[in-house]
Structures are given as structure tokens and as C-alpha cells.
């Protein structure tokens, strides 16, 4: 299991940039390639933009379906 601590990674409670979402997605891709599950830790995060969320959830949902996200 890989846990991505978003506040620690970005040092901000505001996650708005698509670029930052791409960074997280690349981390997730690496974990999935190594057969790990991923947990995103949103503790201390107050805002997530649509662009950021699309990069870390939307792309996987469109590619693999919502059941993939739930797992």
C-alpha cells in the first residue's frame, strides 16, 4: 500500500493546479505498476480544484471505470 500525503507533498491546503495533479498521477502510476494499492490522504486539505481532481481521479475513472477508483 502506498499512501500519498498530499499536504506534506505540496505544503498547502489548496490543491488547484492541473500540473500538481499530474505529479500525483505519476506517483500513482508508479505504484500501480508495482502492483500496489494507493491511498490519497487529504488531511488538512481544504480545497481541491476540478483540474487537480480530474488528473488524479477523472482520468482513471474514464480509462478503467468507477469500480477501479473505489478499490
Protein backbone atom coordinates (compact mmCIF):
# COMPACT_ATOMS: atom_id res chain seq x y z
CA UNK A 1 0.00 0.00 0.00
CA UNK A 2 1.28 3.43 -0.96
CA UNK A 3 -0.09 6.41 0.98
CA UNK A 4 0.32 9.80 -0.66
CA UNK A 5 0.24 12.57 1.93
CA UNK A 6 -0.99 15.49 -0.14
CA UNK A 7 -0.47 18.25 2.43
CA UNK A 8 3.06 17.08 3.13
CA UNK A 9 3.84 16.78 -0.59
CA UNK A 10 2.57 20.24 -1.58
CA UNK A 11 2.85 22.16 1.72
CA UNK A 12 -0.52 23.76 1.01
CA UNK A 13 -4.16 23.18 1.90
CA UNK A 14 -5.16 24.36 -1.60
CA UNK A 15 -4.68 21.91 -4.46
CA UNK A 16 -5.59 23.75 -7.62
CA UNK A 17 -3.06 23.22 -10.39
CA UNK A 18 -3.53 20.52 -13.01
CA UNK A 19 0.28 20.23 -13.02
CA UNK A 20 0.21 19.17 -9.34
CA UNK A 21 -2.45 16.60 -10.17
CA UNK A 22 -0.20 15.23 -12.91
CA UNK A 23 2.60 14.81 -10.36
CA UNK A 24 0.30 12.81 -8.08
CA UNK A 25 -1.00 10.73 -11.00
CA UNK A 26 2.56 9.84 -11.98
CA UNK A 27 3.20 8.71 -8.40
CA UNK A 28 0.03 6.62 -8.59
CA UNK A 29 1.01 5.14 -11.96
CA UNK A 30 4.32 4.02 -10.49
CA UNK A 31 2.60 2.42 -7.51
CA UNK A 32 0.08 0.62 -9.74
CA UNK A 33 2.88 -0.61 -12.00
CA UNK A 34 4.44 -2.20 -8.91
CA UNK A 35 1.09 -3.85 -8.01
CA UNK A 36 0.42 -1.57 -5.01
CA UNK A 37 -2.86 -0.04 -3.99
CA UNK A 38 -2.88 3.72 -3.41
CA UNK A 39 -4.50 5.78 -0.67
CA UNK A 40 -4.66 9.54 -1.05
CA UNK A 41 -4.50 11.31 2.32
CA UNK A 42 -6.48 14.57 2.21
CA UNK A 43 -5.92 15.51 5.88
CA UNK A 44 -5.52 19.30 6.22
CA UNK A 45 -6.64 19.86 2.61
CA UNK A 46 -9.40 22.48 2.39
CA UNK A 47 -9.84 22.85 -1.38
CA UNK A 48 -9.30 20.70 -4.46
CA UNK A 49 -9.92 22.18 -7.90
CA UNK A 50 -11.70 20.36 -10.69
CA UNK A 51 -8.46 20.31 -12.70
CA UNK A 52 -6.49 18.68 -9.90
CA UNK A 53 -9.24 16.13 -9.22
CA UNK A 54 -9.59 15.28 -12.90
CA UNK A 55 -5.89 14.41 -13.08
CA UNK A 56 -5.97 12.07 -10.08
CA UNK A 57 -9.45 10.56 -10.36
CA UNK A 58 -11.14 11.50 -13.61
CA UNK A 59 -8.50 10.06 -15.89
CA UNK A 60 -8.57 6.68 -14.12
CA UNK A 61 -12.39 6.66 -13.98
CA UNK A 62 -12.62 7.25 -17.73
CA UNK A 63 -9.93 4.66 -18.50
CA UNK A 64 -10.88 1.88 -16.07
CA UNK A 65 -14.35 2.72 -14.68
CA UNK A 66 -15.54 3.85 -11.28
CA UNK A 67 -15.07 0.41 -9.67
CA UNK A 68 -11.32 0.85 -10.19
CA UNK A 69 -11.46 4.10 -8.20
CA UNK A 70 -13.44 2.52 -5.39
CA UNK A 71 -10.89 -0.26 -5.00
